[in-house]
Amino acid sequence: MRIAVFTGSQAGPASHQQAAATFATELARAGVGIVYGGGHVGLMGVVADAALAAGGEVVGVIPQHLVDDELAHPGVPRMEVVQTMHERKARMAELADAFVALPGAAGTLEELFEAWTWGMLGLHAKPTAFLDVDGFWQPQLTQLRRMVDDGYLAAHRLEALGVVHDAAELLAFLEDYEHPARKWTPPAA
């Protein structure tokens, strides 16, 4: 099993760095591979370093322009270089069995929401989750609940989005996951 980890290219607070390192270490020890954005910077680098140190499989997927900016992690044994950010996300989705967002910024949200949306549309049936470190994702979850309350998002879709606090909770979520039916279905014949 491999999990796509979306997270920040900035390091954030020390508590987030420690949580990311512990999370990646625990996944590696459980025999779960990590697919990530290929960088050596920020929480991305923390995740890769911790998983590698624990003997885990780490696959990086990075666009050429970020390789040119010298952001590729030199210690990752399998680094796939693609041409665009769109190709990066598509390749990460192909390689992963599930998706999780650790703390990050706009790119992290965009990656997780695209993967979650693809699942709603029936393009895959892979679990999607937030790793909620220090309540980081609570404001976002409040907004998502508002979307449900105002009728923009079905409650069962939000309920299918995992909110976990460590690797053990994520693995339990994945084991029990049941993917909701796709959002749009053809009319009955």
Protein backbone atom coordinates (compact mmCIF):
# COMPACT_ATOMS: atom_id res chain seq x y z
CA MET A 1 0.00 0.00 0.00
CA ARG A 2 1.11 3.54 -0.75
CA ILE A 3 -0.35 6.77 0.57
CA ALA A 4 -0.04 10.10 -1.23
CA VAL A 5 1.00 12.68 1.34
CA PHE A 6 0.18 16.30 0.55
CA THR A 7 1.90 18.81 2.80
CA GLY A 8 3.69 22.11 2.95
CA SER A 9 6.89 23.26 1.32
CA GLN A 10 7.40 25.36 4.45
CA ALA A 11 8.37 23.77 7.76
CA GLY A 12 5.72 25.36 9.99
CA PRO A 13 5.94 25.12 13.78
CA ALA A 14 8.10 22.55 15.56
CA SER A 15 5.02 20.58 16.68
CA HIS A 16 3.98 20.10 13.04
CA GLN A 17 7.49 18.98 12.09
CA GLN A 18 7.51 16.43 14.90
CA ALA A 19 4.02 15.17 14.00
CA ALA A 20 5.02 14.82 10.33
CA ALA A 21 8.19 12.90 11.24
CA THR A 22 6.34 10.60 13.63
CA PHE A 23 3.56 10.01 11.08
CA ALA A 24 6.00 9.11 8.29
CA THR A 25 8.05 6.88 10.61
CA GLU A 26 4.94 5.00 11.75
CA LEU A 27 3.76 4.49 8.15
CA ALA A 28 7.19 3.14 7.17
CA ARG A 29 7.23 0.77 10.14
CA ALA A 30 3.75 -0.45 9.13
CA GLY A 31 5.09 -1.25 5.64
CA VAL A 32 3.14 1.58 3.98
CA GLY A 33 4.90 3.46 1.20
CA ILE A 34 4.71 7.21 0.74
CA VAL A 35 4.16 9.07 -2.51
CA TYR A 36 4.86 12.77 -2.16
CA GLY A 37 5.79 15.88 -4.11
CA GLY A 38 9.49 15.11 -4.29
CA GLY A 39 10.91 18.13 -2.48
CA HIS A 40 13.57 18.31 0.20
CA VAL A 41 12.07 21.47 1.73
CA GLY A 42 9.46 22.08 4.43
CA LEU A 43 7.24 19.35 5.81
CA MET A 44 7.66 17.51 2.51
CA GLY A 45 11.34 17.04 3.31
CA VAL A 46 10.57 16.10 6.91
CA VAL A 47 8.17 13.36 5.74
CA ALA A 48 10.63 11.96 3.20
CA ASP A 49 13.59 12.04 5.59
CA ALA A 50 11.68 10.32 8.40
CA ALA A 51 10.24 7.59 6.18
CA LEU A 52 13.63 6.91 4.59
CA ALA A 53 15.33 6.80 8.00
CA ALA A 54 12.77 4.20 9.10
CA GLY A 55 13.48 2.07 6.02
CA GLY A 56 10.26 2.97 4.22
CA GLU A 57 9.48 3.22 0.54
CA VAL A 58 9.37 6.82 -0.67
CA VAL A 59 8.39 7.82 -4.19
CA GLY A 60 8.78 11.44 -5.23
CA VAL A 61 6.92 13.01 -8.13
CA ILE A 62 8.18 16.44 -9.10
CA PRO A 63 7.81 18.72 -12.12
CA GLN A 64 10.95 19.63 -14.06
CA HIS A 65 10.71 23.33 -13.18
CA LEU A 66 11.10 22.47 -9.48
CA VAL A 67 14.04 20.18 -10.26
CA ASP A 68 15.57 23.14 -12.10
CA ASP A 69 15.05 25.22 -8.94
CA GLU A 70 17.06 22.56 -7.02
CA LEU A 71 14.12 21.53 -4.83
CA ALA A 72 14.21 17.78 -5.59
CA HIS A 73 15.19 15.59 -2.65
CA PRO A 74 18.59 14.07 -3.51
CA GLY A 75 18.13 11.11 -1.14
CA VAL A 76 14.89 9.73 -2.55
CA PRO A 77 15.73 6.60 -4.55
CA ARG A 78 12.68 6.77 -6.82
CA MET A 79 12.10 10.25 -8.18
CA GLU A 80 9.74 10.62 -11.13
CA VAL A 81 10.16 13.87 -13.03
CA VAL A 82 7.12 15.13 -14.94
CA GLN A 83 6.56 18.26 -17.00
CA THR A 84 3.62 19.95 -15.25
CA MET A 85 1.88 20.25 -11.91
CA HIS A 86 -1.17 18.59 -13.49
CA GLU A 87 0.93 15.58 -14.47
CA ARG A 88 2.39 15.48 -10.96
CA LYS A 89 -1.03 15.18 -9.32
CA ALA A 90 -2.24 12.62 -11.84
CA ARG A 91 0.88 10.48 -11.38
CA MET A 92 0.68 10.69 -7.59
CA ALA A 93 -2.95 9.56 -7.81
CA GLU A 94 -1.95 6.61 -10.03
CA LEU A 95 0.75 5.52 -7.59
CA ALA A 96 -1.28 5.92 -4.39
CA ASP A 97 -4.02 3.86 -2.75
CA ALA A 98 -5.16 6.73 -0.51
CA PHE A 99 -4.57 10.44 0.08
CA VAL A 100 -3.81 12.41 3.24
CA ALA A 101 -3.17 16.11 3.85
CA LEU A 102 -0.81 17.16 6.61
CA PRO A 103 -0.58 20.87 7.48
CA GLY A 104 0.25 23.06 4.51
CA ALA A 105 -1.00 25.97 2.46
CA ALA A 106 -2.95 26.53 -0.76
CA GLY A 107 -1.16 23.80 -2.73
CA THR A 108 -1.87 21.23 -0.04
CA LEU A 109 -5.56 22.11 -0.04
CA GLU A 110 -5.73 22.13 -3.82
CA GLU A 111 -4.14 18.68 -4.06
CA LEU A 112 -6.35 17.11 -1.41
CA PHE A 113 -9.55 18.71 -2.71
CA GLU A 114 -8.82 17.61 -6.26
CA ALA A 115 -8.25 14.00 -5.11
CA TRP A 116 -11.43 14.12 -3.00
CA THR A 117 -13.42 15.59 -5.90
CA TRP A 118 -12.11 12.94 -8.29
CA GLY A 119 -13.49 10.36 -5.87
CA MET A 120 -16.89 12.08 -5.80
CA LEU A 121 -17.00 11.97 -9.58
CA GLY A 122 -16.19 8.28 -9.68
CA LEU A 123 -12.72 8.68 -11.18
CA HIS A 124 -11.35 6.59 -8.32
CA ALA A 125 -12.61 5.03 -5.08
CA LYS A 126 -9.62 5.89 -2.88
CA PRO A 127 -9.93 7.23 0.67
CA THR A 128 -9.05 10.85 1.41
CA ALA A 129 -8.23 12.28 4.83
CA PHE A 130 -6.87 15.19 6.83
CA LEU A 131 -4.14 14.56 9.44
CA ASP A 132 -5.31 17.13 12.00
CA VAL A 133 -2.21 18.28 13.88
CA ASP A 134 -2.87 20.75 16.71
CA GLY A 135 -6.38 21.42 15.33
CA PHE A 136 -4.84 22.83 12.14
CA TRP A 137 -7.69 21.65 9.88
CA GLN A 138 -10.58 22.59 12.21
CA PRO A 139 -11.31 25.97 10.52
CA GLN A 140 -11.41 24.20 7.14
CA LEU A 141 -13.75 21.56 8.54
CA THR A 142 -16.00 24.34 9.87
CA GLN A 143 -16.20 25.73 6.33
CA LEU A 144 -16.98 22.28 4.91
CA ARG A 145 -19.78 21.84 7.46
CA ARG A 146 -21.13 25.22 6.34
CA MET A 147 -21.17 23.89 2.76
CA VAL A 148 -23.28 20.97 3.98
CA ASP A 149 -25.59 23.25 5.97
CA ASP A 150 -26.13 25.51 2.95
CA GLY A 151 -26.82 22.58 0.63
CA TYR A 152 -23.67 22.68 -1.50
CA LEU A 153 -22.14 19.45 -0.21
CA ALA A 154 -23.92 16.23 0.71
CA ALA A 155 -23.39 15.27 4.34
CA HIS A 156 -22.38 11.69 3.47
CA ARG A 157 -19.54 13.05 1.31
CA LEU A 158 -18.16 15.05 4.21
CA GLU A 159 -18.57 12.05 6.50
CA ALA A 160 -16.45 10.01 4.04
CA LEU A 161 -13.57 12.49 4.39
CA GLY A 162 -11.36 11.18 7.16
CA VAL A 163 -10.08 13.31 10.01
CA VAL A 164 -7.28 11.50 11.83
CA HIS A 165 -4.57 12.40 14.31
CA ASP A 166 -1.85 9.82 13.71
CA ALA A 167 -0.80 6.97 11.46
CA ALA A 168 -2.68 4.33 13.47
CA GLU A 169 -5.95 6.26 13.11
CA LEU A 170 -5.32 6.69 9.38
CA LEU A 171 -4.69 2.98 8.88
CA ALA A 172 -7.86 2.14 10.84
CA PHE A 173 -9.82 4.64 8.71
CA LEU A 174 -8.45 3.04 5.53
CA GLU A 175 -9.33 -0.46 6.72
CA ASP A 176 -12.96 0.49 7.42
CA TYR A 177 -13.41 2.85 4.44
CA GLU A 178 -16.44 2.48 2.20
CA HIS A 179 -16.43 4.77 -0.79
CA PRO A 180 -19.70 6.63 -1.42
CA ALA A 181 -21.44 6.15 -4.75
CA ARG A 182 -20.31 8.56 -7.43
CA LYS A 183 -22.01 11.93 -7.42
CA TRP A 184 -23.49 11.84 -10.91
CA THR A 185 -24.98 8.64 -12.18
CA PRO A 186 -26.59 8.02 -15.55
CA PRO A 187 -30.38 7.79 -15.55
CA ALA A 188 -31.86 4.30 -15.35
CA ALA A 189 -32.74 2.84 -18.76
